[in-house]
Amino acid sequence: MSEFFHMGGHGLYVWLAYGISFAALAILAARPIAARRRLTRRGSDER
């Protein structure tokens, strides 16, 4: 199991790349949701 995470000495780079990719995808998914909530709240405040 340790060898799986170590990946022949390249584990740091591989897992860092996975982490950065996951973080970028999470941000790309969360921003439109947050914008929609902000616009919905703004629209209901004007009524």
Protein backbone atom coordinates (compact mmCIF):
# COMPACT_ATOMS: atom_id res chain seq x y z
CA MET A 1 0.00 0.00 0.00
CA SER A 2 2.84 2.36 0.81
CA GLU A 3 4.35 1.76 -2.64
CA PHE A 4 1.03 2.75 -4.20
CA PHE A 5 1.15 6.17 -2.53
CA HIS A 6 4.90 6.57 -3.10
CA MET A 7 4.58 5.66 -6.84
CA GLY A 8 8.24 4.91 -7.39
CA GLY A 9 9.44 8.25 -6.03
CA HIS A 10 6.95 10.35 -8.00
CA GLY A 11 4.10 10.21 -5.51
CA LEU A 12 4.46 13.81 -4.35
CA TYR A 13 4.07 15.16 -7.87
CA VAL A 14 1.26 12.78 -8.81
CA TRP A 15 -0.82 13.42 -5.68
CA LEU A 16 -0.12 17.16 -5.88
CA ALA A 17 -1.37 17.17 -9.47
CA TYR A 18 -4.50 15.27 -8.43
CA GLY A 19 -5.09 17.69 -5.56
CA ILE A 20 -4.68 20.80 -7.70
CA SER A 21 -6.95 19.34 -10.38
CA PHE A 22 -9.62 18.43 -7.86
CA ALA A 23 -9.44 21.89 -6.26
CA ALA A 24 -9.77 23.58 -9.65
CA LEU A 25 -12.78 21.44 -10.56
CA ALA A 26 -14.40 22.15 -7.19
CA ILE A 27 -13.94 25.90 -7.67
CA LEU A 28 -15.29 25.72 -11.22
CA ALA A 29 -18.36 23.87 -9.94
CA ALA A 30 -18.94 26.11 -6.91
CA ARG A 31 -18.66 29.53 -8.56
CA PRO A 32 -21.80 29.31 -10.75
CA ILE A 33 -23.79 27.93 -7.81
CA ALA A 34 -22.67 30.83 -5.61
CA ALA A 35 -23.41 33.36 -8.36
CA ARG A 36 -26.90 31.95 -8.83
CA ARG A 37 -27.60 32.17 -5.10
CA ARG A 38 -26.32 35.74 -5.02
CA LEU A 39 -28.50 36.74 -7.96
CA THR A 40 -31.53 34.97 -6.51
CA ARG A 41 -31.12 36.78 -3.18
CA ARG A 42 -30.57 40.10 -4.94
CA GLY A 43 -33.70 39.59 -7.03
CA SER A 44 -35.86 38.73 -4.02
CA ASP A 45 -34.57 41.80 -2.11
CA GLU A 46 -35.77 44.14 -4.89
CA ARG A 47 -39.37 42.93 -4.69
